[in-house]
C-alpha atoms as a PDB file:
ATOM      1  CA  MET A   1     -11.560 -45.728  25.561  1.00  0.00           C
ATOM      2  CA  ARG A   2     -14.581 -43.575  24.494  1.00  0.00           C
ATOM      3  CA  GLY A   3     -13.412 -40.794  26.719  1.00  0.00           C
ATOM      4  CA  ALA A   4      -9.992 -40.605  25.030  1.00  0.00           C
ATOM      5  CA  ARG A   5     -11.720 -40.474  21.685  1.00  0.00           C
ATOM      6  CA  ASN A   6     -13.928 -37.709  22.909  1.00  0.00           C
ATOM      7  CA  GLY A   7     -10.704 -35.751  24.079  1.00  0.00           C
ATOM      8  CA  VAL A   8      -8.919 -36.214  20.808  1.00  0.00           C
ATOM      9  CA  ALA A   9     -12.031 -35.095  18.934  1.00  0.00           C
ATOM     10  CA  ARG A  10     -12.147 -31.770  21.242  1.00  0.00           C
ATOM     11  CA  SER A  11      -8.304 -31.308  20.878  1.00  0.00           C
ATOM     12  CA  GLU A  12      -8.829 -31.535  17.060  1.00  0.00           C
ATOM     13  CA  ALA A  13     -11.490 -29.096  17.091  1.00  0.00           C
ATOM     14  CA  VAL A  14      -9.453 -26.666  19.390  1.00  0.00           C
ATOM     15  CA  ARG A  15      -6.430 -26.785  16.949  1.00  0.00           C
ATOM     16  CA  GLY A  16      -8.732 -25.857  13.952  1.00  0.00           C
ATOM     17  CA  PRO A  17      -6.832 -24.615  11.155  1.00  0.00           C
ATOM     18  CA  TYR A  18      -3.673 -26.367  12.262  1.00  0.00           C
ATOM     19  CA  LEU A  19      -5.137 -29.559  10.824  1.00  0.00           C
ATOM     20  CA  LEU A  20      -4.184 -28.572   7.315  1.00  0.00           C
ATOM     21  CA  GLU A  21      -4.008 -32.149   5.841  1.00  0.00           C
ATOM     22  CA  ARG A  22      -7.560 -32.937   7.362  1.00  0.00           C
ATOM     23  CA  HIS A  23      -9.042 -29.674   5.835  1.00  0.00           C
ATOM     24  CA  LEU A  24      -7.535 -30.231   2.489  1.00  0.00           C
ATOM     25  CA  GLU A  25      -8.390 -33.911   2.273  1.00  0.00           C
ATOM     26  CA  GLY A  26     -10.604 -34.463  -0.720  1.00  0.00           C
ATOM     27  CA  VAL A  27     -10.769 -30.746  -1.555  1.00  0.00           C
ATOM     28  CA  PRO A  28     -10.678 -30.522  -5.716  1.00  0.00           C
ATOM     29  CA  TYR A  29      -7.023 -29.414  -6.519  1.00  0.00           C
ATOM     30  CA  ALA A  30      -8.548 -26.007  -8.209  1.00  0.00           C
ATOM     31  CA  ALA A  31      -9.686 -25.182  -4.572  1.00  0.00           C
ATOM     32  CA  ARG A  32      -7.103 -26.450  -2.630  1.00  0.00           C
ATOM     33  CA  ALA A  33      -4.507 -23.762  -3.048  1.00  0.00           C
ATOM     34  CA  GLY A  34      -7.068 -20.982  -2.067  1.00  0.00           C
ATOM     35  CA  LEU A  35      -8.159 -23.007   1.025  1.00  0.00           C
ATOM     36  CA  ASP A  36      -4.522 -23.762   2.015  1.00  0.00           C
ATOM     37  CA  ILE A  37      -3.315 -19.971   1.806  1.00  0.00           C
ATOM     38  CA  ALA A  38      -6.556 -19.101   3.785  1.00  0.00           C
ATOM     39  CA  LEU A  39      -5.765 -21.790   6.565  1.00  0.00           C
ATOM     40  CA  HIS A  40      -2.180 -20.751   6.692  1.00  0.00           C
ATOM     41  CA  ASP A  41      -3.246 -16.880   7.145  1.00  0.00           C
ATOM     42  CA  LEU A  42      -5.693 -17.869   9.661  1.00  0.00           C
ATOM     43  CA  ILE A  43      -2.703 -19.527  11.584  1.00  0.00           C
ATOM     44  CA  GLY A  44      -0.570 -16.621  11.152  1.00  0.00           C
ATOM     45  CA  LYS A  45      -3.541 -14.309  12.652  1.00  0.00           C
ATOM     46  CA  ASP A  46      -3.809 -16.764  15.494  1.00  0.00           C
ATOM     47  CA  LEU A  47      -0.098 -16.519  16.350  1.00  0.00           C
ATOM     48  CA  ASN A  48      -0.100 -12.835  15.439  1.00  0.00           C
ATOM     49  CA  VAL A  49       2.559 -13.453  12.826  1.00  0.00           C
ATOM     50  CA  PRO A  50       2.827 -12.076   9.336  1.00  0.00           C
ATOM     51  CA  LEU A  51       2.736 -15.065   6.642  1.00  0.00           C
ATOM     52  CA  TYR A  52       6.433 -14.154   5.394  1.00  0.00           C
ATOM     53  CA  ARG A  53       7.689 -14.736   8.922  1.00  0.00           C
ATOM     54  CA  LEU A  54       5.306 -17.794   9.355  1.00  0.00           C
ATOM     55  CA  PHE A  55       7.146 -19.180   6.175  1.00  0.00           C
ATOM     56  CA  GLY A  56      10.608 -17.920   7.150  1.00  0.00           C
ATOM     57  CA  LEU A  57      10.768 -15.597   4.340  1.00  0.00           C
ATOM     58  CA  ASP A  58      12.630 -12.116   4.132  1.00  0.00           C
ATOM     59  CA  PRO A  59      10.532  -9.427   2.617  1.00  0.00           C
ATOM     60  CA  ALA A  60      13.733  -7.813   1.195  1.00  0.00           C
ATOM     61  CA  MET A  61      14.700 -10.946  -0.713  1.00  0.00           C
ATOM     62  CA  ALA A  62      11.195 -10.956  -2.429  1.00  0.00           C
ATOM     63  CA  PRO A  63      11.294 -10.888  -6.314  1.00  0.00           C
ATOM     64  CA  ARG A  64      10.521  -7.819  -7.861  1.00  0.00           C
ATOM     65  CA  THR A  65       6.632  -7.488  -9.056  1.00  0.00           C
ATOM     66  CA  SER A  66       4.493  -5.240 -11.229  1.00  0.00           C
ATOM     67  CA  LEU A  67       1.352  -3.626 -11.014  1.00  0.00           C
ATOM     68  CA  THR A  68      -1.192  -3.815 -13.834  1.00  0.00           C
ATOM     69  CA  MET A  69      -3.019  -0.573 -14.216  1.00  0.00           C
ATOM     70  CA  THR A  70      -6.729  -0.837 -15.767  1.00  0.00           C
ATOM     71  CA  ILE A  71      -7.976   1.374 -18.491  1.00  0.00           C
ATOM     72  CA  GLU A  72      -9.789   4.150 -17.080  1.00  0.00           C
ATOM     73  CA  SER A  73     -10.480   7.823 -17.506  1.00  0.00           C
ATOM     74  CA  LEU A  74      -7.634  10.063 -17.616  1.00  0.00           C
ATOM     75  CA  GLU A  75      -8.584  11.676 -14.116  1.00  0.00           C
ATOM     76  CA  GLU A  76      -9.099   7.968 -12.564  1.00  0.00           C
ATOM     77  CA  THR A  77      -5.660   6.971 -13.861  1.00  0.00           C
ATOM     78  CA  ILE A  78      -4.114  10.100 -12.572  1.00  0.00           C
ATOM     79  CA  SER A  79      -5.739   9.507  -9.071  1.00  0.00           C
ATOM     80  CA  ASN A  80      -4.104   5.972  -9.071  1.00  0.00           C
ATOM     81  CA  LEU A  81      -0.622   6.862  -9.620  1.00  0.00           C
ATOM     82  CA  PRO A  82       0.300   7.178  -6.085  1.00  0.00           C
ATOM     83  CA  ALA A  83      -0.185   3.562  -5.385  1.00  0.00           C
ATOM     84  CA  ALA A  84       1.788   2.704  -8.362  1.00  0.00           C
ATOM     85  CA  GLU A  85       4.875   4.293  -6.932  1.00  0.00           C
ATOM     86  CA  LEU A  86       5.331   1.363  -4.833  1.00  0.00           C
ATOM     87  CA  PHE A  87       6.059  -0.887  -7.951  1.00  0.00           C
ATOM     88  CA  PRO A  88       9.261  -0.843  -9.932  1.00  0.00           C
ATOM     89  CA  ILE A  89       7.176  -1.954 -13.062  1.00  0.00           C
ATOM     90  CA  ILE A  90       3.938  -0.772 -14.219  1.00  0.00           C
ATOM     91  CA  LYS A  91       1.957  -2.282 -17.035  1.00  0.00           C
END
């Protein structure tokens, strides 16, 4: 029986991030979301799959989002405008 337990432990160690419930057990709720998404990201990287595909999402169906620009000098703000073109809403 002892050998079986060691085999299970080795198997669990190899599966690493796939044991989400075990990793999240006892983690304070404030930190759980960050750890959960980090583990999902690690799984996606392990499978060479982007997170949207791992979750079965279609990027074309993603809700519109906005870009919040920081208050900077005029020159810095102008230099950040090309990145802002990707967003339909700028605030």
